[in-house]
Amino acid sequence: MIPSTVNDISPDWLNAALPQEFGEIIDIDWVDLGEGVGILGEVSRLVLTYTEGQTGPKSLVVKCQSHAEENVTLCTSMGYYFREVNFYKHCQDNFPIVTPRCFFSEIDEAGTPFTILIEEIPNVTVLDQTTGAGIQETASVFSMLAKLHAHYWESDELYALDWLPPMNNAMYKTSQPLAESLIDDFKTDWASKIDSNTLGAIEGFIPRYPDFLDWAVGCGNQTFTHNDARCENYLFSPSGAITMIDFQYCTRFWGAWDISNWLSASLNTGDRQKSGHELVSHYHKELVGNGVENYTLDQCWHDLKASLVVQAYNQIIDNNLDYSNDRGKRLLEQCVLRTFSAASDYEVASFLKGVDF
């Protein structure tokens, strides 16, 4: 049995699912961790009680499907739940970046339910995306991402991950009619708050989205992308180590995609305008230092600007998700405003006029 929700998890189920060396669990309690963060799934901390004399981890983190029907529909149609389950089952052991140890990762062939049990990383700092990451934290994350991207850069190991979809997969292309159906509502909500020229360019881009994805993948320089590079998914330990979490979106695409994601949505606008160019140069230097050849800083900026086009496009779709609480709504607002500000500052409207796809 695969639990649909944390309420379905019992001590008996945990004793069957977890390694025997944990000892016998006789009671559990749980705390919701997903407010405004785990919008596409339920994320909770399990607090475990063992029989006397037996001690395993005091707590675990469990991930299950969302309570919101529209979010589950999106995740199953796009394969998000499958991706994270497969990451923990098939990729984690050889991954070059620190991730939580996984103890259980299974999904029904229909796409739901799914359950993932991972270790809880103690004594970490989780940055608040509504406030925004600092410049030094961003530089550290970019160094980490450069190591990840360089490891998989156009490698046989990358293309052996047959569960990892390329960015131009059919699932992503199906979002184009959805974006078309949502653009009017998005303009009603946001047109007065974002640059009109940029919004017009993104609206004009919507019909071209599938062709863009084919063009972008055809440009090469593909690697493993986290595809959810934002504050809450990077845990900072006092030692300086950073643990990457949440692999529902992971994809094969440009490394600059992850950089554009963090740069546009996890830095506050003032810090990005002040240090964005320096941070991109830092990422590129780290990428080269980790062994990537024949990839210039100009190419990196080209890929980043192209990525920003899709980051802005994605805001149209994300605007329709059920954010269900005040923090989630504040997070949506920051993502929309910061992303369109970055797209405007880096002149993606002009960029779109200069590329042929």
Protein backbone atom coordinates (compact mmCIF):
# COMPACT_ATOMS: atom_id res chain seq x y z
CA MET A 1 0.00 0.00 0.00
CA ILE A 2 1.23 3.49 -0.92
CA PRO A 3 -0.24 6.16 1.37
CA SER A 4 -2.15 8.99 -0.30
CA THR A 5 -1.68 11.33 2.64
CA VAL A 6 0.27 11.52 5.87
CA ASN A 7 -2.93 10.53 7.70
CA ASP A 8 -2.69 7.12 6.02
CA ILE A 9 0.75 6.42 7.51
CA SER A 10 0.68 4.13 10.54
CA PRO A 11 3.41 2.63 12.74
CA ASP A 12 2.75 -0.78 11.14
CA TRP A 13 3.21 0.67 7.65
CA LEU A 14 6.44 2.41 8.66
CA ASN A 15 7.83 -0.76 10.25
CA ALA A 16 7.25 -2.59 6.96
CA ALA A 17 8.64 0.19 4.78
CA LEU A 18 11.73 1.29 6.72
CA PRO A 19 15.03 -0.52 7.28
CA GLN A 20 14.88 -3.05 10.13
CA GLU A 21 17.85 -1.44 11.89
CA PHE A 22 15.61 1.50 12.78
CA GLY A 23 13.90 -0.59 15.44
CA GLU A 24 10.18 -0.98 16.06
CA ILE A 25 8.08 2.18 15.81
CA ILE A 26 5.09 2.16 18.17
CA ASP A 27 3.71 5.66 17.70
CA ILE A 28 3.96 8.63 15.33
CA ASP A 29 3.00 12.27 15.29
CA TRP A 30 3.33 14.70 12.42
CA VAL A 31 3.68 18.40 11.67
CA ASP A 32 2.87 20.11 8.38
CA LEU A 33 5.96 21.63 6.74
CA GLY A 34 4.40 22.73 3.47
CA GLU A 35 2.75 26.09 4.17
CA GLY A 36 3.31 28.21 1.12
CA VAL A 37 6.12 25.91 0.04
CA GLY A 38 4.86 22.42 -0.75
CA ILE A 39 2.04 23.65 -2.94
CA LEU A 40 2.30 20.72 -5.36
CA GLY A 41 2.46 18.14 -2.60
CA GLU A 42 1.97 17.47 1.07
CA VAL A 43 5.25 17.81 3.02
CA SER A 44 5.28 16.81 6.70
CA ARG A 45 7.65 15.94 9.52
CA LEU A 46 7.02 12.54 11.09
CA VAL A 47 8.00 12.36 14.77
CA LEU A 48 8.72 8.73 15.68
CA THR A 49 8.44 6.85 18.98
CA TYR A 50 10.22 3.48 19.31
CA THR A 51 9.90 0.57 21.70
CA GLU A 52 12.07 0.93 24.78
CA GLY A 53 15.74 0.46 24.06
CA GLN A 54 15.39 0.89 20.29
CA THR A 55 16.37 4.13 18.64
CA GLY A 56 16.27 5.15 15.04
CA PRO A 57 15.93 8.65 13.60
CA LYS A 58 13.75 10.82 15.80
CA SER A 59 12.05 12.27 12.74
CA LEU A 60 11.66 11.83 9.00
CA VAL A 61 10.22 14.00 6.23
CA VAL A 62 7.37 12.53 4.21
CA LYS A 63 6.09 13.75 0.86
CA CYS A 64 2.69 12.79 -0.58
CA GLN A 65 0.37 14.18 -3.24
CA SER A 66 -1.31 17.55 -2.92
CA HIS A 67 -4.75 17.97 -1.33
CA ALA A 68 -5.78 20.30 -4.18
CA GLU A 69 -7.29 18.41 -7.12
CA GLU A 70 -6.05 20.90 -9.73
CA ASN A 71 -2.49 20.59 -8.39
CA VAL A 72 -2.64 16.78 -8.55
CA THR A 73 -3.95 16.98 -12.12
CA LEU A 74 -1.05 19.21 -13.10
CA CYS A 75 1.54 16.99 -11.41
CA THR A 76 0.29 13.76 -12.92
CA SER A 77 -0.05 15.21 -16.41
CA MET A 78 3.46 16.67 -16.27
CA GLY A 79 5.04 13.67 -14.57
CA TYR A 80 6.29 15.64 -11.57
CA TYR A 81 5.62 12.97 -8.96
CA PHE A 82 7.17 10.25 -11.14
CA ARG A 83 10.31 12.32 -11.53
CA GLU A 84 11.03 12.75 -7.85
CA VAL A 85 10.31 9.11 -7.07
CA ASN A 86 12.67 8.03 -9.85
CA PHE A 87 15.37 10.42 -8.72
CA TYR A 88 15.50 8.86 -5.27
CA LYS A 89 15.23 5.32 -6.63
CA HIS A 90 17.72 5.51 -9.49
CA CYS A 91 19.91 8.60 -9.36
CA GLN A 92 20.72 9.60 -5.82
CA ASP A 93 23.69 7.27 -5.23
CA ASN A 94 25.78 8.82 -8.02
CA PHE A 95 24.57 12.40 -7.67
CA PRO A 96 27.47 14.86 -7.23
CA ILE A 97 25.53 17.15 -4.88
CA VAL A 98 24.49 16.52 -1.27
CA THR A 99 20.86 15.34 -1.00
CA PRO A 100 18.87 13.80 1.87
CA ARG A 101 19.13 10.05 2.33
CA CYS A 102 15.96 8.37 1.08
CA PHE A 103 14.40 5.38 2.87
CA PHE A 104 11.27 4.81 0.76
CA SER A 105 10.25 6.05 -2.68
CA GLU A 106 7.31 4.49 -4.52
CA ILE A 107 4.48 5.59 -6.80
CA ASP A 108 1.43 3.92 -8.28
CA GLU A 109 1.67 3.38 -12.03
CA ALA A 110 -1.34 5.69 -12.44
CA GLY A 111 0.75 8.60 -11.12
CA THR A 112 -0.84 8.78 -7.66
CA PRO A 113 -0.59 8.02 -4.86
CA PHE A 114 3.10 8.36 -4.13
CA THR A 115 5.12 8.45 -0.94
CA ILE A 116 8.73 9.47 -0.31
CA LEU A 117 10.42 9.16 3.09
CA ILE A 118 13.70 11.03 3.51
CA GLU A 119 15.94 11.99 6.37
CA GLU A 120 15.42 15.33 8.06
CA ILE A 121 18.61 17.37 7.87
CA PRO A 122 19.20 18.87 11.35
CA ASN A 123 20.36 22.36 12.29
CA VAL A 124 19.90 23.93 8.88
CA THR A 125 18.90 27.39 7.76
CA VAL A 126 16.13 27.59 5.19
CA LEU A 127 16.04 30.92 3.42
CA ASP A 128 12.69 32.66 3.08
CA GLN A 129 11.94 33.26 -0.59
CA THR A 130 9.42 35.96 0.18
CA THR A 131 12.29 37.94 1.74
CA GLY A 132 14.87 36.78 -0.77
CA ALA A 133 18.31 35.20 -0.57
CA GLY A 134 21.44 37.17 0.14
CA ILE A 135 24.14 37.76 -2.44
CA GLN A 136 26.69 35.53 -0.68
CA GLU A 137 24.17 32.69 -0.30
CA THR A 138 23.37 33.06 -3.99
CA ALA A 139 27.05 32.81 -4.94
CA SER A 140 27.34 29.62 -2.87
CA VAL A 141 24.29 28.09 -4.55
CA PHE A 142 25.64 29.05 -7.98
CA SER A 143 28.93 27.29 -7.16
CA MET A 144 26.95 24.20 -6.19
CA LEU A 145 24.87 24.32 -9.35
CA ALA A 146 27.99 24.76 -11.48
CA LYS A 147 29.38 21.53 -9.98
CA LEU A 148 26.14 19.70 -10.74
CA HIS A 149 25.84 21.05 -14.27
CA ALA A 150 29.48 20.35 -15.12
CA HIS A 151 29.18 16.75 -13.90
CA TYR A 152 26.38 15.92 -16.35
CA TRP A 153 27.24 18.37 -19.17
CA GLU A 154 26.51 16.52 -22.45
CA SER A 155 27.63 13.25 -20.83
CA ASP A 156 26.68 9.63 -21.43
CA GLU A 157 25.59 9.53 -17.79
CA LEU A 158 23.07 12.29 -18.47
CA TYR A 159 21.51 10.55 -21.46
CA ALA A 160 21.37 7.23 -19.58
CA LEU A 161 18.77 8.77 -17.23
CA ASP A 162 15.84 7.59 -19.32
CA TRP A 163 13.31 8.81 -16.72
CA LEU A 164 14.63 12.39 -16.94
CA PRO A 165 12.70 14.23 -19.66
CA PRO A 166 14.28 16.78 -21.98
CA MET A 167 12.87 20.28 -21.78
CA ASN A 168 11.07 19.82 -25.11
CA ASN A 169 9.08 16.82 -23.89
CA ALA A 170 5.45 16.43 -24.97
CA MET A 171 4.18 17.06 -21.43
CA TYR A 172 5.68 20.54 -21.32
CA LYS A 173 4.45 21.40 -24.79
CA THR A 174 0.87 20.70 -23.70
CA SER A 175 1.05 23.71 -21.39
CA GLN A 176 0.84 26.03 -24.40
CA PRO A 177 -2.98 25.91 -24.81
CA LEU A 178 -3.28 26.22 -21.03
CA ALA A 179 -1.20 29.41 -21.09
CA GLU A 180 -3.38 30.73 -23.91
CA SER A 181 -6.50 30.10 -21.85
CA LEU A 182 -5.02 31.83 -18.79
CA ILE A 183 -3.34 34.90 -20.28
CA ASP A 184 -6.41 37.14 -20.02
CA ASP A 185 -6.85 36.35 -16.33
CA PHE A 186 -3.14 36.91 -15.78
CA LYS A 187 -3.32 40.33 -17.44
CA THR A 188 -6.32 41.23 -15.29
CA ASP A 189 -4.35 40.36 -12.16
CA TRP A 190 -0.92 41.75 -13.07
CA ALA A 191 -0.92 44.10 -16.07
CA SER A 192 -0.93 47.20 -13.87
CA LYS A 193 2.08 45.94 -11.86
CA ILE A 194 4.56 44.75 -14.50
CA ASP A 195 6.24 46.18 -17.60
CA SER A 196 3.73 46.28 -20.46
CA ASN A 197 6.34 45.78 -23.21
CA THR A 198 7.64 42.63 -21.53
CA LEU A 199 4.14 41.31 -20.88
CA GLY A 200 3.24 41.90 -24.52
CA ALA A 201 6.34 40.03 -25.66
CA ILE A 202 5.53 37.06 -23.42
CA GLU A 203 1.92 37.02 -24.63
CA GLY A 204 3.19 36.97 -28.22
CA PHE A 205 5.58 34.17 -27.31
CA ILE A 206 2.83 31.81 -26.09
CA PRO A 207 1.94 30.35 -29.53
CA ARG A 208 5.66 29.84 -30.24
CA TYR A 209 6.41 28.00 -27.01
CA PRO A 210 6.60 24.43 -28.42
CA ASP A 211 8.88 25.54 -31.27
CA PHE A 212 11.04 27.42 -28.79
CA LEU A 213 11.58 24.30 -26.70
CA ASP A 214 12.70 22.29 -29.75
CA TRP A 215 15.04 25.11 -30.76
CA ALA A 216 16.51 25.46 -27.27
CA VAL A 217 17.23 21.76 -26.86
CA GLY A 218 18.68 21.69 -30.35
CA CYS A 219 21.20 24.35 -29.32
CA GLY A 220 23.00 21.74 -27.19
CA ASN A 221 24.84 22.32 -23.89
CA GLN A 222 22.36 20.06 -22.10
CA THR A 223 22.80 18.94 -18.51
CA PHE A 224 20.86 17.84 -15.42
CA THR A 225 18.84 20.80 -14.21
CA HIS A 226 17.22 20.93 -10.78
CA ASN A 227 14.49 23.01 -12.37
CA ASP A 228 13.29 24.30 -9.00
CA ALA A 229 16.26 26.43 -7.95
CA ARG A 230 14.71 28.57 -5.24
CA CYS A 231 15.36 29.37 -1.60
CA GLU A 232 13.32 26.70 0.14
CA ASN A 233 15.01 23.87 -1.77
CA TYR A 234 18.56 24.58 -0.51
CA LEU A 235 19.34 23.84 3.13
CA PHE A 236 22.34 25.68 4.60
CA SER A 237 24.28 23.87 7.38
CA PRO A 238 26.57 25.67 9.85
CA SER A 239 29.54 23.85 8.26
CA GLY A 240 28.82 25.60 4.97
CA ALA A 241 27.42 22.48 3.31
CA ILE A 242 24.29 22.94 1.20
CA THR A 243 21.73 20.16 0.77
CA MET A 244 19.53 20.20 -2.33
CA ILE A 245 15.95 18.95 -2.00
CA ASP A 246 12.80 18.60 -4.13
CA PHE A 247 13.24 16.89 -7.49
CA GLN A 248 9.71 16.91 -8.89
CA TYR A 249 10.71 19.23 -11.74
CA CYS A 250 14.20 17.96 -12.62
CA THR A 251 14.81 18.08 -16.35
CA ARG A 252 17.48 17.84 -19.02
CA PHE A 253 18.19 21.37 -20.23
CA TRP A 254 20.63 24.29 -20.06
CA GLY A 255 22.39 24.91 -16.78
CA ALA A 256 21.53 28.59 -17.21
CA TRP A 257 17.90 27.59 -16.67
CA ASP A 258 18.57 26.96 -12.98
CA ILE A 259 20.51 30.22 -12.72
CA SER A 260 17.68 32.19 -14.30
CA ASN A 261 15.21 30.59 -11.91
CA TRP A 262 17.11 31.63 -8.77
CA LEU A 263 18.24 34.97 -10.15
CA SER A 264 14.73 36.03 -11.14
CA ALA A 265 12.67 34.71 -8.23
CA SER A 266 14.89 34.12 -5.17
CA LEU A 267 16.88 37.36 -5.15
CA ASN A 268 15.05 40.53 -4.27
CA THR A 269 14.97 42.94 -7.17
CA GLY A 270 17.44 45.44 -5.71
CA ASP A 271 20.13 42.81 -5.04
CA ARG A 272 19.70 41.33 -8.51
CA GLN A 273 20.00 44.73 -10.16
CA LYS A 274 23.11 45.44 -8.08
CA SER A 275 24.92 42.09 -8.38
CA GLY A 276 23.21 40.01 -11.06
CA HIS A 277 25.95 40.37 -13.69
CA GLU A 278 28.67 39.58 -11.18
CA LEU A 279 26.80 36.48 -10.00
CA VAL A 280 26.32 35.17 -13.53
CA SER A 281 30.03 35.67 -14.20
CA HIS A 282 30.77 33.78 -10.97
CA TYR A 283 28.60 30.86 -12.12
CA HIS A 284 30.30 30.76 -15.51
CA LYS A 285 33.77 30.84 -13.93
CA GLU A 286 32.82 27.96 -11.62
CA LEU A 287 31.38 26.01 -14.55
CA VAL A 288 34.61 26.32 -16.50
CA GLY A 289 36.60 25.48 -13.37
CA ASN A 290 34.65 22.25 -13.08
CA GLY A 291 35.65 21.19 -16.56
CA VAL A 292 33.11 22.62 -19.03
CA GLU A 293 34.85 23.60 -22.26
CA ASN A 294 33.90 25.72 -25.27
CA TYR A 295 31.13 27.60 -23.48
CA THR A 296 31.64 31.34 -23.30
CA LEU A 297 30.14 33.89 -20.94
CA ASP A 298 28.23 35.34 -23.89
CA GLN A 299 26.70 31.93 -24.55
CA CYS A 300 25.77 31.69 -20.90
CA TRP A 301 23.95 35.03 -21.06
CA HIS A 302 22.21 33.98 -24.27
CA ASP A 303 20.89 30.83 -22.59
CA LEU A 304 19.95 32.76 -19.45
CA LYS A 305 17.91 35.35 -21.34
CA ALA A 306 16.17 32.62 -23.32
CA SER A 307 15.43 30.86 -20.05
CA LEU A 308 13.96 34.04 -18.59
CA VAL A 309 11.42 34.09 -21.39
CA VAL A 310 10.08 30.74 -20.19
CA GLN A 311 10.36 31.72 -16.52
CA ALA A 312 7.98 34.59 -17.29
CA TYR A 313 5.73 32.32 -19.38
CA ASN A 314 5.52 29.91 -16.45
CA GLN A 315 4.17 32.65 -14.18
CA ILE A 316 1.03 32.72 -16.31
CA ILE A 317 0.37 29.06 -15.52
CA ASP A 318 1.48 29.19 -11.89
CA ASN A 319 -0.93 32.06 -11.30
CA ASN A 320 -3.76 29.51 -11.65
CA LEU A 321 -2.52 27.12 -8.93
CA ASP A 322 -4.24 26.81 -5.56
CA TYR A 323 -1.86 28.54 -3.14
CA SER A 324 -4.32 27.94 -0.29
CA ASN A 325 -2.69 30.20 2.33
CA ASP A 326 -1.43 33.75 2.79
CA ARG A 327 2.26 32.90 2.56
CA GLY A 328 1.73 31.03 -0.70
CA LYS A 329 -0.03 34.06 -2.14
CA ARG A 330 2.82 36.35 -1.06
CA LEU A 331 5.27 33.94 -2.65
CA LEU A 332 3.33 34.00 -5.91
CA GLU A 333 3.38 37.80 -5.88
CA GLN A 334 7.14 37.95 -5.39
CA CYS A 335 7.76 35.36 -8.11
CA VAL A 336 5.64 37.25 -10.64
CA LEU A 337 7.02 40.70 -9.86
CA ARG A 338 10.68 39.64 -9.61
CA THR A 339 10.58 37.45 -12.71
CA PHE A 340 9.00 40.09 -14.92
CA SER A 341 11.37 42.72 -13.51
CA ALA A 342 14.36 40.54 -14.45
CA ALA A 343 12.88 39.86 -17.89
CA SER A 344 12.47 43.59 -18.39
CA ASP A 345 15.94 44.53 -17.06
CA TYR A 346 17.62 41.94 -19.28
CA GLU A 347 15.53 43.02 -22.28
CA VAL A 348 13.97 39.70 -23.20
CA ALA A 349 11.50 41.47 -25.51
CA SER A 350 14.43 42.60 -27.67
CA PHE A 351 16.07 39.19 -27.26
CA LEU A 352 12.99 37.48 -28.69
CA LYS A 353 13.12 39.68 -31.78
CA GLY A 354 16.72 38.60 -32.41
CA VAL A 355 16.33 34.81 -32.32
CA ASP A 356 14.84 32.61 -35.02
CA PHE A 357 13.13 29.43 -33.87
